[in-house]
Amino acid sequence: MKMELSNLQVIQDIRLTDFPTQIKNQFSNKSLKKQLRKERRELGEMQNVLYAHGKYSVLVCIQGMDTSGKDSLIREVFKDFNVRGVNSYSFKKPTEIELQHDFLWRHYKALPARGKYAVFNRSHYENVLISRVKPSIVLNEKIPHINKVEDITPTFWKNRLEQINNFEKTIHQNGCIIFKFFLHISKDEQKNRILRRLNKPSKNWKFSPEDLKDRKLWDEYTAYYEEAINATSKKNAPWYIIPSDNKHHARLMVTRTIKERMQEFTDIQNPTLPEELQNQIEDFKKQLINS
């Protein structure tokens, strides 16, 4: 599989088992890291123009199974961004205040301002993924007429997916460019990464017994990921399936995907000074030199 957007973007219903978790290539990890440095510098320069232009914002959602490399990918891909132009959010268990609002409220609050990026490490999709696997979580939301797990019907999940589509449609129509990445790893690779966490004392803190419990639910998570991706991959908010057994390759693919799609927005340009000020630039220079 060539590393092209057409191969990564979900444009029709998919099965995750049909997608590779690793793409064979002729590049060493050292070469992949070198390519990433070049691509992310260019993306960083594009972000500066986006910031100056000030009319679009960019939302990047990163999803994936445990150990799929979300944290390190965010760190490496956005390393060359101006810190004023990007914010990263990691959505954990909702707080009491967040539970007093609808499930999208805390995500609305974290949306990027015009000219900025926001990166969601996990996202609003957790509400149709982990909540789907463990529906008792929904009871904490205190939704009218949802008093027990049996009240959570297939229609409830269908409506929630539609609410997500409406949310993304609204922010897109108001100038937010949306990227959604699923970091696709194999079950064997997950096992290897968990073992590394256990074998390396400096990484022990990343391990939780809950990881092993969730691993037993692999097939359920996969089924609900497929359902969510198929229901919400739209032209205005596409999903991209990123083979992620090789972290270096995954980071490069995400960077290139963002860069290539952002290049389609040819109206994003550095603003120019009003003509009357441009005509005075030489005068301004002289004033500074003589000051």
C-alpha atoms as a PDB file:
ATOM      1  CA  MET A   1       0.000   0.000   0.000  1.00  0.00           C
ATOM      2  CA  LYS A   2       1.402   3.373  -1.010  1.00  0.00           C
ATOM      3  CA  MET A   3       1.292   6.164   1.513  1.00  0.00           C
ATOM      4  CA  GLU A   4      -1.439   8.200  -0.181  1.00  0.00           C
ATOM      5  CA  LEU A   5      -4.510   9.901   1.230  1.00  0.00           C
ATOM      6  CA  SER A   6      -6.762   7.790  -0.974  1.00  0.00           C
ATOM      7  CA  ASN A   7      -5.517   4.665   0.791  1.00  0.00           C
ATOM      8  CA  LEU A   8      -5.911   6.039   4.311  1.00  0.00           C
ATOM      9  CA  GLN A   9      -9.184   7.950   4.126  1.00  0.00           C
ATOM     10  CA  VAL A  10     -12.446   6.159   4.868  1.00  0.00           C
ATOM     11  CA  ILE A  11     -14.810   6.893   1.989  1.00  0.00           C
ATOM     12  CA  GLN A  12     -17.085   3.852   2.297  1.00  0.00           C
ATOM     13  CA  ASP A  13     -17.967   1.290   4.946  1.00  0.00           C
ATOM     14  CA  ILE A  14     -14.879  -0.562   6.120  1.00  0.00           C
ATOM     15  CA  ARG A  15     -13.778  -3.481   8.242  1.00  0.00           C
ATOM     16  CA  LEU A  16     -10.670  -2.793  10.261  1.00  0.00           C
ATOM     17  CA  THR A  17      -9.409  -6.307   9.624  1.00  0.00           C
ATOM     18  CA  ASP A  18      -9.111  -5.363   5.941  1.00  0.00           C
ATOM     19  CA  PHE A  19      -6.584  -2.632   6.802  1.00  0.00           C
ATOM     20  CA  PRO A  20      -2.928  -3.414   7.505  1.00  0.00           C
ATOM     21  CA  THR A  21      -1.417  -2.439  10.839  1.00  0.00           C
ATOM     22  CA  GLN A  22       1.985  -2.060   9.201  1.00  0.00           C
ATOM     23  CA  ILE A  23       3.135  -1.041   5.732  1.00  0.00           C
ATOM     24  CA  LYS A  24       6.320  -2.498   4.388  1.00  0.00           C
ATOM     25  CA  ASN A  25       8.677   0.194   3.131  1.00  0.00           C
ATOM     26  CA  GLN A  26      12.320   0.559   2.221  1.00  0.00           C
ATOM     27  CA  PHE A  27      13.028   3.191   4.878  1.00  0.00           C
ATOM     28  CA  SER A  28      14.847   2.621   8.155  1.00  0.00           C
ATOM     29  CA  ASN A  29      13.517   4.203  11.355  1.00  0.00           C
ATOM     30  CA  LYS A  30      16.382   6.697  11.132  1.00  0.00           C
ATOM     31  CA  SER A  31      15.241   7.714   7.650  1.00  0.00           C
ATOM     32  CA  LEU A  32      11.609   7.931   8.756  1.00  0.00           C
ATOM     33  CA  LYS A  33      12.580  10.242  11.624  1.00  0.00           C
ATOM     34  CA  LYS A  34      14.561  12.434   9.224  1.00  0.00           C
ATOM     35  CA  GLN A  35      11.582  12.677   6.873  1.00  0.00           C
ATOM     36  CA  LEU A  36       9.321  13.523   9.806  1.00  0.00           C
ATOM     37  CA  ARG A  37      11.565  16.406  10.887  1.00  0.00           C
ATOM     38  CA  LYS A  38      11.308  17.917   7.403  1.00  0.00           C
ATOM     39  CA  GLU A  39       7.553  17.436   7.108  1.00  0.00           C
ATOM     40  CA  ARG A  40       6.722  18.778  10.554  1.00  0.00           C
ATOM     41  CA  ARG A  41       8.873  21.892   9.999  1.00  0.00           C
ATOM     42  CA  GLU A  42       6.872  22.591   6.846  1.00  0.00           C
ATOM     43  CA  LEU A  43       3.611  21.935   8.706  1.00  0.00           C
ATOM     44  CA  GLY A  44       4.774  24.290  11.450  1.00  0.00           C
ATOM     45  CA  GLU A  45       5.367  27.018   8.873  1.00  0.00           C
ATOM     46  CA  MET A  46       1.872  26.418   7.483  1.00  0.00           C
ATOM     47  CA  GLN A  47       0.482  26.749  10.988  1.00  0.00           C
ATOM     48  CA  ASN A  48       2.089  30.186  11.315  1.00  0.00           C
ATOM     49  CA  VAL A  49       0.273  31.277   8.155  1.00  0.00           C
ATOM     50  CA  LEU A  50      -3.004  29.827   9.484  1.00  0.00           C
ATOM     51  CA  TYR A  51      -2.481  31.829  12.689  1.00  0.00           C
ATOM     52  CA  ALA A  52      -1.823  35.059  10.786  1.00  0.00           C
ATOM     53  CA  HIS A  53      -4.744  34.451   8.400  1.00  0.00           C
ATOM     54  CA  GLY A  54      -7.051  33.966  11.379  1.00  0.00           C
ATOM     55  CA  LYS A  55     -10.159  32.637   9.648  1.00  0.00           C
ATOM     56  CA  TYR A  56      -9.864  28.848   9.951  1.00  0.00           C
ATOM     57  CA  SER A  57      -9.209  26.583  12.903  1.00  0.00           C
ATOM     58  CA  VAL A  58      -8.086  22.946  12.874  1.00  0.00           C
ATOM     59  CA  LEU A  59      -9.291  20.079  15.060  1.00  0.00           C
ATOM     60  CA  VAL A  60      -7.233  16.872  15.128  1.00  0.00           C
ATOM     61  CA  CYS A  61      -8.807  13.877  16.894  1.00  0.00           C
ATOM     62  CA  ILE A  62      -6.521  10.967  17.782  1.00  0.00           C
ATOM     63  CA  GLN A  63      -8.156   7.645  18.658  1.00  0.00           C
ATOM     64  CA  GLY A  64      -6.802   4.126  19.020  1.00  0.00           C
ATOM     65  CA  MET A  65      -6.573   1.093  21.237  1.00  0.00           C
ATOM     66  CA  ASP A  66      -4.481   1.306  24.404  1.00  0.00           C
ATOM     67  CA  THR A  67      -0.727   1.555  23.602  1.00  0.00           C
ATOM     68  CA  SER A  68      -1.396   2.653  20.011  1.00  0.00           C
ATOM     69  CA  GLY A  69       1.024   5.575  20.471  1.00  0.00           C
ATOM     70  CA  LYS A  70      -1.300   8.555  20.823  1.00  0.00           C
ATOM     71  CA  ASP A  71       0.789  10.526  23.333  1.00  0.00           C
ATOM     72  CA  SER A  72       4.120  10.149  21.554  1.00  0.00           C
ATOM     73  CA  LEU A  73       2.557  10.842  18.153  1.00  0.00           C
ATOM     74  CA  ILE A  74       1.121  14.141  19.371  1.00  0.00           C
ATOM     75  CA  ARG A  75       4.469  15.097  20.896  1.00  0.00           C
ATOM     76  CA  GLU A  76       6.429  14.335  17.723  1.00  0.00           C
ATOM     77  CA  VAL A  77       4.034  15.579  15.030  1.00  0.00           C
ATOM     78  CA  PHE A  78       3.390  19.015  16.576  1.00  0.00           C
ATOM     79  CA  LYS A  79       6.864  19.632  17.967  1.00  0.00           C
ATOM     80  CA  ASP A  80       7.643  22.506  15.557  1.00  0.00           C
ATOM     81  CA  PHE A  81       4.395  24.404  16.067  1.00  0.00           C
ATOM     82  CA  ASN A  82       4.354  27.851  17.623  1.00  0.00           C
ATOM     83  CA  VAL A  83       3.105  27.155  21.150  1.00  0.00           C
ATOM     84  CA  ARG A  84       0.584  29.978  20.819  1.00  0.00           C
ATOM     85  CA  GLY A  85      -1.057  28.179  17.914  1.00  0.00           C
ATOM     86  CA  VAL A  86      -1.800  24.701  19.276  1.00  0.00           C
ATOM     87  CA  ASN A  87      -3.446  23.214  22.359  1.00  0.00           C
ATOM     88  CA  SER A  88      -3.638  19.544  23.291  1.00  0.00           C
ATOM     89  CA  TYR A  89      -6.396  18.049  25.427  1.00  0.00           C
ATOM     90  CA  SER A  90      -6.521  14.602  26.992  1.00  0.00           C
ATOM     91  CA  PHE A  91     -10.074  13.642  27.853  1.00  0.00           C
ATOM     92  CA  LYS A  92     -10.267  11.415  30.895  1.00  0.00           C
ATOM     93  CA  LYS A  93     -13.187  10.487  33.123  1.00  0.00           C
ATOM     94  CA  PRO A  94     -15.713  13.381  33.133  1.00  0.00           C
ATOM     95  CA  THR A  95     -15.757  15.619  36.188  1.00  0.00           C
ATOM     96  CA  GLU A  96     -18.878  16.241  38.247  1.00  0.00           C
ATOM     97  CA  ILE A  97     -19.364  19.600  36.527  1.00  0.00           C
ATOM     98  CA  GLU A  98     -18.974  18.021  33.077  1.00  0.00           C
ATOM     99  CA  LEU A  99     -21.541  15.376  33.954  1.00  0.00           C
ATOM    100  CA  GLN A 100     -24.054  18.149  34.616  1.00  0.00           C
ATOM    101  CA  HIS A 101     -23.990  18.953  30.885  1.00  0.00           C
ATOM    102  CA  ASP A 102     -24.491  16.978  27.681  1.00  0.00           C
ATOM    103  CA  PHE A 103     -21.610  14.736  26.590  1.00  0.00           C
ATOM    104  CA  LEU A 104     -20.376  17.195  23.950  1.00  0.00           C
ATOM    105  CA  TRP A 105     -20.179  20.207  26.282  1.00  0.00           C
ATOM    106  CA  ARG A 106     -16.584  19.687  27.426  1.00  0.00           C
ATOM    107  CA  HIS A 107     -15.477  19.174  23.835  1.00  0.00           C
ATOM    108  CA  TYR A 108     -17.167  22.373  22.657  1.00  0.00           C
ATOM    109  CA  LYS A 109     -15.209  24.220  25.350  1.00  0.00           C
ATOM    110  CA  ALA A 110     -11.916  22.843  24.025  1.00  0.00           C
ATOM    111  CA  LEU A 111     -12.488  23.700  20.351  1.00  0.00           C
ATOM    112  CA  PRO A 112      -9.718  25.774  18.747  1.00  0.00           C
ATOM    113  CA  ALA A 113     -10.051  29.500  18.208  1.00  0.00           C
ATOM    114  CA  ARG A 114      -9.641  30.817  14.665  1.00  0.00           C
ATOM    115  CA  GLY A 115      -6.026  30.535  13.583  1.00  0.00           C
ATOM    116  CA  LYS A 116      -5.269  27.710  16.019  1.00  0.00           C
ATOM    117  CA  TYR A 117      -5.043  23.930  16.217  1.00  0.00           C
ATOM    118  CA  ALA A 118      -6.581  21.777  18.927  1.00  0.00           C
ATOM    119  CA  VAL A 119      -5.501  18.160  19.340  1.00  0.00           C
ATOM    120  CA  PHE A 120      -7.875  15.808  21.127  1.00  0.00           C
ATOM    121  CA  ASN A 121      -6.048  12.857  22.700  1.00  0.00           C
ATOM    122  CA  ARG A 122      -9.116  10.645  22.775  1.00  0.00           C
ATOM    123  CA  SER A 123     -12.192  12.682  22.002  1.00  0.00           C
ATOM    124  CA  HIS A 124     -15.968  12.872  21.895  1.00  0.00           C
ATOM    125  CA  TYR A 125     -15.807   9.414  20.294  1.00  0.00           C
ATOM    126  CA  GLU A 126     -15.115   7.855  23.686  1.00  0.00           C
ATOM    127  CA  ASN A 127     -18.837   8.387  24.271  1.00  0.00           C
ATOM    128  CA  VAL A 128     -19.663   5.804  21.591  1.00  0.00           C
ATOM    129  CA  LEU A 129     -16.686   3.534  22.285  1.00  0.00           C
ATOM    130  CA  ILE A 130     -15.815   2.953  25.930  1.00  0.00           C
ATOM    131  CA  SER A 131     -19.373   3.893  26.896  1.00  0.00           C
ATOM    132  CA  ARG A 132     -20.628   1.347  24.373  1.00  0.00           C
ATOM    133  CA  VAL A 133     -18.440  -1.431  25.751  1.00  0.00           C
ATOM    134  CA  LYS A 134     -19.252  -0.424  29.329  1.00  0.00           C
ATOM    135  CA  PRO A 135     -22.750   1.101  29.079  1.00  0.00           C
ATOM    136  CA  SER A 136     -23.106   1.567  32.834  1.00  0.00           C
ATOM    137  CA  ILE A 137     -20.932   4.669  32.318  1.00  0.00           C
ATOM    138  CA  VAL A 138     -23.892   6.331  30.586  1.00  0.00           C
ATOM    139  CA  LEU A 139     -25.915   6.163  33.795  1.00  0.00           C
ATOM    140  CA  ASN A 140     -23.555   8.735  35.309  1.00  0.00           C
ATOM    141  CA  GLU A 141     -24.741  11.266  32.702  1.00  0.00           C
ATOM    142  CA  LYS A 142     -28.189  11.478  34.359  1.00  0.00           C
ATOM    143  CA  ILE A 143     -30.036  11.523  31.054  1.00  0.00           C
ATOM    144  CA  PRO A 144     -33.849  11.651  31.347  1.00  0.00           C
ATOM    145  CA  HIS A 145     -35.506   8.219  30.989  1.00  0.00           C
ATOM    146  CA  ILE A 146     -32.138   6.404  31.170  1.00  0.00           C
ATOM    147  CA  ASN A 147     -32.374   4.803  34.616  1.00  0.00           C
ATOM    148  CA  LYS A 148     -30.774   1.412  33.984  1.00  0.00           C
ATOM    149  CA  VAL A 149     -28.564  -0.210  31.372  1.00  0.00           C
ATOM    150  CA  GLU A 150     -31.594  -1.862  29.772  1.00  0.00           C
ATOM    151  CA  ASP A 151     -32.921   1.611  28.884  1.00  0.00           C
ATOM    152  CA  ILE A 152     -29.930   2.173  26.572  1.00  0.00           C
ATOM    153  CA  THR A 153     -31.302   0.904  23.269  1.00  0.00           C
ATOM    154  CA  PRO A 154     -29.674   0.659  19.803  1.00  0.00           C
ATOM    155  CA  THR A 155     -31.640   3.794  18.930  1.00  0.00           C
ATOM    156  CA  PHE A 156     -29.825   5.641  21.727  1.00  0.00           C
ATOM    157  CA  TRP A 157     -26.451   4.890  20.102  1.00  0.00           C
ATOM    158  CA  LYS A 158     -27.731   5.722  16.627  1.00  0.00           C
ATOM    159  CA  ASN A 159     -28.928   9.100  17.909  1.00  0.00           C
ATOM    160  CA  ARG A 160     -25.630   9.751  19.665  1.00  0.00           C
ATOM    161  CA  LEU A 161     -23.670   9.099  16.456  1.00  0.00           C
ATOM    162  CA  GLU A 162     -26.001  11.489  14.647  1.00  0.00           C
ATOM    163  CA  GLN A 163     -25.407  14.103  17.357  1.00  0.00           C
ATOM    164  CA  ILE A 164     -21.671  13.751  16.717  1.00  0.00           C
ATOM    165  CA  ASN A 165     -22.232  14.219  12.982  1.00  0.00           C
ATOM    166  CA  ASN A 166     -24.271  17.352  13.651  1.00  0.00           C
ATOM    167  CA  PHE A 167     -21.606  18.689  16.028  1.00  0.00           C
ATOM    168  CA  GLU A 168     -18.873  18.209  13.421  1.00  0.00           C
ATOM    169  CA  LYS A 169     -21.022  19.600  10.616  1.00  0.00           C
ATOM    170  CA  THR A 170     -21.704  22.747  12.632  1.00  0.00           C
ATOM    171  CA  ILE A 171     -18.088  23.481  13.493  1.00  0.00           C
ATOM    172  CA  HIS A 172     -16.969  22.688   9.931  1.00  0.00           C
ATOM    173  CA  GLN A 173     -19.494  25.155   8.511  1.00  0.00           C
ATOM    174  CA  ASN A 174     -18.017  27.762  10.830  1.00  0.00           C
ATOM    175  CA  GLY A 175     -14.456  27.327   9.598  1.00  0.00           C
ATOM    176  CA  CYS A 176     -13.054  24.365  11.550  1.00  0.00           C
ATOM    177  CA  ILE A 177     -11.029  21.889   9.464  1.00  0.00           C
ATOM    178  CA  ILE A 178     -11.423  18.423  10.987  1.00  0.00           C
ATOM    179  CA  PHE A 179      -9.039  15.454  10.963  1.00  0.00           C
ATOM    180  CA  LYS A 180      -9.852  12.148  12.671  1.00  0.00           C
ATOM    181  CA  PHE A 181      -7.121   9.517  12.938  1.00  0.00           C
ATOM    182  CA  PHE A 182      -7.518   5.937  14.094  1.00  0.00           C
ATOM    183  CA  LEU A 183      -4.114   4.524  15.059  1.00  0.00           C
ATOM    184  CA  HIS A 184      -4.443   0.925  13.903  1.00  0.00           C
ATOM    185  CA  ILE A 185      -2.265  -1.586  15.754  1.00  0.00           C
ATOM    186  CA  SER A 186      -2.336  -5.361  15.906  1.00  0.00           C
ATOM    187  CA  LYS A 187      -3.202  -7.271  19.048  1.00  0.00           C
ATOM    188  CA  ASP A 188       0.276  -8.818  19.018  1.00  0.00           C
ATOM    189  CA  GLU A 189       1.908  -5.393  18.883  1.00  0.00           C
ATOM    190  CA  GLN A 190      -0.227  -4.230  21.802  1.00  0.00           C
ATOM    191  CA  LYS A 191       0.964  -7.236  23.805  1.00  0.00           C
ATOM    192  CA  ASN A 192       4.596  -6.361  23.017  1.00  0.00           C
ATOM    193  CA  ARG A 193       4.105  -2.749  24.085  1.00  0.00           C
ATOM    194  CA  ILE A 194       2.451  -3.706  27.359  1.00  0.00           C
ATOM    195  CA  LEU A 195       5.282  -6.140  28.053  1.00  0.00           C
ATOM    196  CA  ARG A 196       7.818  -3.358  27.422  1.00  0.00           C
ATOM    197  CA  ARG A 197       6.022  -1.217  29.982  1.00  0.00           C
ATOM    198  CA  LEU A 198       6.285  -4.027  32.504  1.00  0.00           C
ATOM    199  CA  ASN A 199       9.917  -4.893  31.698  1.00  0.00           C
ATOM    200  CA  LYS A 200      11.206  -1.309  31.787  1.00  0.00           C
ATOM    201  CA  PRO A 201      11.049   0.229  35.289  1.00  0.00           C
ATOM    202  CA  SER A 202      10.894   3.777  33.920  1.00  0.00           C
ATOM    203  CA  LYS A 203       7.735   2.817  31.982  1.00  0.00           C
ATOM    204  CA  ASN A 204       6.000   0.865  34.776  1.00  0.00           C
ATOM    205  CA  TRP A 205       3.877   3.878  35.655  1.00  0.00           C
ATOM    206  CA  LYS A 206       2.123   3.603  32.288  1.00  0.00           C
ATOM    207  CA  PHE A 207       0.775   0.154  33.126  1.00  0.00           C
ATOM    208  CA  SER A 208      -2.605  -0.455  34.699  1.00  0.00           C
ATOM    209  CA  PRO A 209      -4.270  -3.819  35.382  1.00  0.00           C
ATOM    210  CA  GLU A 210      -7.219  -2.293  33.532  1.00  0.00           C
ATOM    211  CA  ASP A 211      -5.132  -2.622  30.345  1.00  0.00           C
ATOM    212  CA  LEU A 212      -5.356  -6.411  30.597  1.00  0.00           C
ATOM    213  CA  LYS A 213      -9.110  -6.308  31.206  1.00  0.00           C
ATOM    214  CA  ASP A 214      -9.648  -4.078  28.173  1.00  0.00           C
ATOM    215  CA  ARG A 215      -7.432  -6.336  26.077  1.00  0.00           C
ATOM    216  CA  LYS A 216      -9.939  -9.145  26.590  1.00  0.00           C
ATOM    217  CA  LEU A 217     -12.556  -6.825  25.048  1.00  0.00           C
ATOM    218  CA  TRP A 218     -10.518  -6.295  21.860  1.00  0.00           C
ATOM    219  CA  ASP A 219     -13.194  -7.663  19.516  1.00  0.00           C
ATOM    220  CA  GLU A 220     -15.935  -5.565  21.087  1.00  0.00           C
ATOM    221  CA  TYR A 221     -13.884  -2.379  20.825  1.00  0.00           C
ATOM    222  CA  THR A 222     -13.043  -3.223  17.209  1.00  0.00           C
ATOM    223  CA  ALA A 223     -16.717  -3.719  16.318  1.00  0.00           C
ATOM    224  CA  TYR A 224     -17.744  -0.419  17.889  1.00  0.00           C
ATOM    225  CA  TYR A 225     -14.829   1.437  16.301  1.00  0.00           C
ATOM    226  CA  GLU A 226     -15.952   0.144  12.920  1.00  0.00           C
ATOM    227  CA  GLU A 227     -19.526   1.228  13.559  1.00  0.00           C
ATOM    228  CA  ALA A 228     -18.497   4.701  14.713  1.00  0.00           C
ATOM    229  CA  ILE A 229     -16.033   5.237  11.867  1.00  0.00           C
ATOM    230  CA  ASN A 230     -18.506   4.068   9.225  1.00  0.00           C
ATOM    231  CA  ALA A 231     -21.277   6.259  10.624  1.00  0.00           C
ATOM    232  CA  THR A 232     -19.204   9.440  10.977  1.00  0.00           C
ATOM    233  CA  SER A 233     -16.579   9.527   8.226  1.00  0.00           C
ATOM    234  CA  LYS A 234     -17.915  12.416   6.168  1.00  0.00           C
ATOM    235  CA  LYS A 235     -16.363  14.649   3.524  1.00  0.00           C
ATOM    236  CA  ASN A 236     -16.297  17.529   6.013  1.00  0.00           C
ATOM    237  CA  ALA A 237     -14.899  15.324   8.832  1.00  0.00           C
ATOM    238  CA  PRO A 238     -13.086  12.296   7.374  1.00  0.00           C
ATOM    239  CA  TRP A 239     -11.529   9.410   9.245  1.00  0.00           C
ATOM    240  CA  TYR A 240      -8.053   8.161   8.320  1.00  0.00           C
ATOM    241  CA  ILE A 241      -6.879   4.659   9.250  1.00  0.00           C
ATOM    242  CA  ILE A 242      -3.173   4.880  10.138  1.00  0.00           C
ATOM    243  CA  PRO A 243      -1.134   1.642  10.261  1.00  0.00           C
ATOM    244  CA  SER A 244       0.621   2.083  13.608  1.00  0.00           C
ATOM    245  CA  ASP A 245       2.651  -1.008  14.474  1.00  0.00           C
ATOM    246  CA  ASN A 246       5.638   1.147  13.489  1.00  0.00           C
ATOM    247  CA  LYS A 247       5.345   4.399  15.456  1.00  0.00           C
ATOM    248  CA  HIS A 248       7.812   6.294  13.249  1.00  0.00           C
ATOM    249  CA  HIS A 249       5.842   5.460  10.133  1.00  0.00           C
ATOM    250  CA  ALA A 250       2.537   6.358  11.791  1.00  0.00           C
ATOM    251  CA  ARG A 251       3.822   9.792  12.835  1.00  0.00           C
ATOM    252  CA  LEU A 252       5.051  10.509   9.322  1.00  0.00           C
ATOM    253  CA  MET A 253       1.734   9.455   7.751  1.00  0.00           C
ATOM    254  CA  VAL A 254      -0.283  11.647  10.096  1.00  0.00           C
ATOM    255  CA  THR A 255       1.973  14.649   9.427  1.00  0.00           C
ATOM    256  CA  ARG A 256       1.802  14.202   5.666  1.00  0.00           C
ATOM    257  CA  THR A 257      -1.938  13.688   5.720  1.00  0.00           C
ATOM    258  CA  ILE A 258      -2.502  16.954   7.582  1.00  0.00           C
ATOM    259  CA  LYS A 259      -0.027  18.836   5.403  1.00  0.00           C
ATOM    260  CA  GLU A 260      -1.412  17.553   2.098  1.00  0.00           C
ATOM    261  CA  ARG A 261      -4.999  18.333   3.034  1.00  0.00           C
ATOM    262  CA  MET A 262      -4.140  21.776   4.396  1.00  0.00           C
ATOM    263  CA  GLN A 263      -2.466  22.599   1.075  1.00  0.00           C
ATOM    264  CA  GLU A 264      -5.900  22.323  -0.529  1.00  0.00           C
ATOM    265  CA  PHE A 265      -6.971  25.494   1.311  1.00  0.00           C
ATOM    266  CA  THR A 266      -5.263  27.895  -1.074  1.00  0.00           C
ATOM    267  CA  ASP A 267      -7.067  30.891   0.437  1.00  0.00           C
ATOM    268  CA  ILE A 268      -5.029  30.551   3.634  1.00  0.00           C
ATOM    269  CA  GLN A 269      -2.387  33.211   3.030  1.00  0.00           C
ATOM    270  CA  ASN A 270      -0.408  35.693   5.080  1.00  0.00           C
ATOM    271  CA  PRO A 271      -2.389  38.943   5.314  1.00  0.00           C
ATOM    272  CA  THR A 272      -0.946  42.037   3.678  1.00  0.00           C
ATOM    273  CA  LEU A 273      -0.719  45.559   5.034  1.00  0.00           C
ATOM    274  CA  PRO A 274      -3.254  48.074   3.731  1.00  0.00           C
ATOM    275  CA  GLU A 275      -1.958  49.846   0.623  1.00  0.00           C
ATOM    276  CA  GLU A 276      -1.530  53.160   2.407  1.00  0.00           C
ATOM    277  CA  LEU A 277       0.777  51.515   4.960  1.00  0.00           C
ATOM    278  CA  GLN A 278       2.703  49.569   2.306  1.00  0.00           C
ATOM    279  CA  ASN A 279       3.465  52.867   0.583  1.00  0.00           C
ATOM    280  CA  GLN A 280       4.995  54.163   3.818  1.00  0.00           C
ATOM    281  CA  ILE A 281       7.270  51.187   4.573  1.00  0.00           C
ATOM    282  CA  GLU A 282      10.410  52.995   3.462  1.00  0.00           C
ATOM    283  CA  ASP A 283       9.490  55.957   5.636  1.00  0.00           C
ATOM    284  CA  PHE A 284       8.940  53.679   8.610  1.00  0.00           C
ATOM    285  CA  LYS A 285      12.387  52.129   8.060  1.00  0.00           C
ATOM    286  CA  LYS A 286      14.030  55.550   7.983  1.00  0.00           C
ATOM    287  CA  GLN A 287      12.271  56.576  11.176  1.00  0.00           C
ATOM    288  CA  LEU A 288      13.570  53.451  12.917  1.00  0.00           C
ATOM    289  CA  ILE A 289      17.098  53.865  11.605  1.00  0.00           C
ATOM    290  CA  ASN A 290      17.211  57.471  12.730  1.00  0.00           C
ATOM    291  CA  SER A 291      15.572  56.863  16.095  1.00  0.00           C
END
